[in-house]
């Protein structure tokens, strides 16, 4: 069971997210409404396995506020949570040490997968949120090492459950990776992704 802190000044959003995560994952969820409150909780009850910080809550700033939170959480994962921040802010947050940028519009299943991914020490970067960056070419551009591992499992004919067991991560995280791989490769489905990986010698 993970220990997660959600810091957001929107009470209804924070409470709804906390209730959902607690019910869906069984994780121990803590709540704060400002950055100073979150920092105090990290000092008193932390470190947390993951801290989600709302970008626009009182006391929050980038990169200073993020840096304070990362330090207070003893270098454990800290991510940015926002419904309004533009892609450039997300890029700055990741460059400043955030373990991810989580849009509040993300679907429930993807939210759970993203949290599991970040707690496992990976970076969560919602590819459909970011505009294509200059200089990228070809459908395989941007595959992370973990996505490449998942693609290798897909190409070997393994199920999501088998890939998750082999990589020692949750099956819901594999589902998120498969969705991202298909988007990056412009594949219609996992079978098409495996064909593209073979034809383009991606593995």
Foldseek 3Di string as FASTA:
>chain_A
DFEEEEEAQPVVLQVVVQVLCCVPPVYHYHYHHELVVLLVCLQVPALGLEYEHEQPGHPHDPPVSVVSNCVSSVNHAYEYEYQDDAPVVQVRNVVSPHLEYHYSPDDPLVVVLQSQQSSVPHRYYPVVRDDDDPPDDALQPPQDPVLVLLLVCLLVVHDLVVSCVVVVGDSSNSVVSQVVLCNSNVHPHSVRSSVCCVVVVVD
